[in-house]
C-alpha atoms as a PDB file:
ATOM      1  CA  MET A   1       2.705  17.025  12.106  1.00  0.00           C
ATOM      2  CA  THR A   2      -0.657  18.495  10.716  1.00  0.00           C
ATOM      3  CA  GLU A   3      -3.619  16.788  10.486  1.00  0.00           C
ATOM      4  CA  ASN A   4      -2.888  17.743   6.324  1.00  0.00           C
ATOM      5  CA  ASP A   5       0.299  16.151   6.888  1.00  0.00           C
ATOM      6  CA  VAL A   6      -1.086  12.809   7.710  1.00  0.00           C
ATOM      7  CA  LYS A   7      -4.217  13.119   5.280  1.00  0.00           C
ATOM      8  CA  GLN A   8      -1.122  13.824   1.906  1.00  0.00           C
ATOM      9  CA  LEU A   9       0.937  10.187   3.826  1.00  0.00           C
ATOM     10  CA  ILE A  10      -2.081   8.211   3.260  1.00  0.00           C
ATOM     11  CA  ILE A  11      -2.775   9.785  -0.101  1.00  0.00           C
ATOM     12  CA  THR A  12       0.832   9.387  -1.126  1.00  0.00           C
ATOM     13  CA  ILE A  13       0.566   5.625   0.322  1.00  0.00           C
ATOM     14  CA  VAL A  14      -2.394   4.697  -1.486  1.00  0.00           C
ATOM     15  CA  LYS A  15      -2.165   5.766  -4.376  1.00  0.00           C
ATOM     16  CA  PRO A  16       0.982   3.795  -5.738  1.00  0.00           C
ATOM     17  CA  LEU A  17      -1.190   0.591  -4.958  1.00  0.00           C
ATOM     18  CA  VAL A  18      -4.634   0.982  -7.137  1.00  0.00           C
ATOM     19  CA  ALA A  19      -5.697   1.181 -10.593  1.00  0.00           C
ATOM     20  CA  ASN A  20      -7.702   3.735 -10.254  1.00  0.00           C
ATOM     21  CA  PRO A  21      -5.430   6.986  -7.731  1.00  0.00           C
ATOM     22  CA  ASN A  22      -8.020   9.118  -9.257  1.00  0.00           C
ATOM     23  CA  VAL A  23     -10.319   7.846  -7.199  1.00  0.00           C
ATOM     24  CA  VAL A  24      -9.103   8.846  -3.667  1.00  0.00           C
ATOM     25  CA  ASP A  25     -10.217  10.392  -1.061  1.00  0.00           C
ATOM     26  CA  VAL A  26      -9.623  10.844   2.717  1.00  0.00           C
ATOM     27  CA  ALA A  27     -11.823  12.681   4.713  1.00  0.00           C
ATOM     28  CA  ILE A  28     -10.796  13.691   7.549  1.00  0.00           C
ATOM     29  CA  LYS A  29     -13.909  13.388  11.421  1.00  0.00           C
ATOM     30  CA  ARG A  30     -12.756  14.627  14.392  1.00  0.00           C
ATOM     31  CA  ASP A  31     -14.081  12.401  17.489  1.00  0.00           C
ATOM     32  CA  THR A  32     -13.654  12.122  21.685  1.00  0.00           C
ATOM     33  CA  HIS A  33     -10.517   9.901  21.407  1.00  0.00           C
ATOM     34  CA  PHE A  34      -9.586   9.888  17.968  1.00  0.00           C
ATOM     35  CA  LEU A  35      -8.291  11.993  15.308  1.00  0.00           C
ATOM     36  CA  ASN A  36     -10.232   9.625  12.626  1.00  0.00           C
ATOM     37  CA  PHE A  37      -9.260   9.255   8.896  1.00  0.00           C
ATOM     38  CA  ASN A  38     -11.717   7.323   6.216  1.00  0.00           C
ATOM     39  CA  LEU A  39     -10.341   6.378   2.729  1.00  0.00           C
ATOM     40  CA  ALA A  40     -12.148   5.401   0.549  1.00  0.00           C
ATOM     41  CA  VAL A  41     -10.911   4.614  -2.410  1.00  0.00           C
ATOM     42  CA  ALA A  42     -12.508   2.391  -5.573  1.00  0.00           C
ATOM     43  CA  PRO A  43     -14.635  -0.330  -4.975  1.00  0.00           C
ATOM     44  CA  GLU A  44     -12.213  -2.829  -7.220  1.00  0.00           C
ATOM     45  CA  ASP A  45      -9.329  -1.042  -5.387  1.00  0.00           C
ATOM     46  CA  VAL A  46     -10.491  -2.848  -1.820  1.00  0.00           C
ATOM     47  CA  GLY A  47      -8.614  -5.501  -1.982  1.00  0.00           C
ATOM     48  CA  ARG A  48      -5.799  -3.952  -2.653  1.00  0.00           C
ATOM     49  CA  VAL A  49      -5.835  -1.481  -0.412  1.00  0.00           C
ATOM     50  CA  ILE A  50      -5.915  -4.810   2.645  1.00  0.00           C
ATOM     51  CA  GLY A  51      -4.877  -7.044   0.783  1.00  0.00           C
ATOM     52  CA  LYS A  52      -3.902 -10.854   1.595  1.00  0.00           C
ATOM     53  CA  HIS A  53      -5.457 -11.321   5.211  1.00  0.00           C
ATOM     54  CA  GLY A  54      -4.953  -7.540   6.286  1.00  0.00           C
ATOM     55  CA  ARG A  55      -1.001  -7.293   5.248  1.00  0.00           C
ATOM     56  CA  VAL A  56      -1.682  -4.226   4.057  1.00  0.00           C
ATOM     57  CA  ALA A  57      -4.125  -2.829   5.359  1.00  0.00           C
ATOM     58  CA  GLN A  58      -1.867  -3.242   8.308  1.00  0.00           C
ATOM     59  CA  ALA A  59       1.258  -2.226   7.272  1.00  0.00           C
ATOM     60  CA  ILE A  60      -0.424   1.368   6.450  1.00  0.00           C
ATOM     61  CA  ARG A  61      -1.849   1.538   9.877  1.00  0.00           C
ATOM     62  CA  THR A  62       0.943   0.694  11.572  1.00  0.00           C
ATOM     63  CA  LEU A  63       2.825   3.919   9.645  1.00  0.00           C
ATOM     64  CA  ILE A  64      -0.203   6.084  10.208  1.00  0.00           C
ATOM     65  CA  TYR A  65      -0.656   4.710  14.489  1.00  0.00           C
ATOM     66  CA  SER A  66       2.732   6.624  14.926  1.00  0.00           C
ATOM     67  CA  VAL A  67       2.104  10.047  13.789  1.00  0.00           C
ATOM     68  CA  ARG A  68       1.189  12.066  16.336  1.00  0.00           C
ATOM     69  CA  LEU A  69      -0.013  15.565  15.864  1.00  0.00           C
ATOM     70  CA  ALA A  70       1.501  18.522  17.141  1.00  0.00           C
ATOM     71  CA  ASP A  71      -1.295  20.589  18.003  1.00  0.00           C
ATOM     72  CA  THR A  72      -3.862  17.763  19.877  1.00  0.00           C
ATOM     73  CA  SER A  73      -3.973  15.083  21.593  1.00  0.00           C
ATOM     74  CA  LEU A  74      -5.934  13.068  19.845  1.00  0.00           C
ATOM     75  CA  ARG A  75      -5.312   9.638  18.732  1.00  0.00           C
ATOM     76  CA  VAL A  76      -5.122   8.128  15.200  1.00  0.00           C
ATOM     77  CA  ARG A  77      -7.151   5.995  13.249  1.00  0.00           C
ATOM     78  CA  LEU A  78      -7.573   5.568   9.867  1.00  0.00           C
ATOM     79  CA  ASN A  79     -10.375   3.317   8.958  1.00  0.00           C
ATOM     80  CA  ILE A  80     -10.582   1.841   4.866  1.00  0.00           C
ATOM     81  CA  MET A  81     -14.387   2.757   3.546  1.00  0.00           C
ATOM     82  CA  ASP A  82     -16.018  -0.453   1.976  1.00  0.00           C
ATOM     83  CA  ASP A  83     -19.478   1.046  -0.038  1.00  0.00           C
END
């Protein structure tokens, strides 16, 4: 998979969960060990993405963390941005 494939996967998973799907945005940032995918949603949708006791966020992370990128040895990390 490529970085854009992972980005599209995150968007595909998150859009049905939120009330404002047009606000969903994923920014990619490289680190020394990780490829960070920073997920931004509308402020009223943050709770929907995190879920009760973080269960929804953990389920999304489980799917995303299982992805291995073909062109790099960096690990994937999903950050839910809460402004």
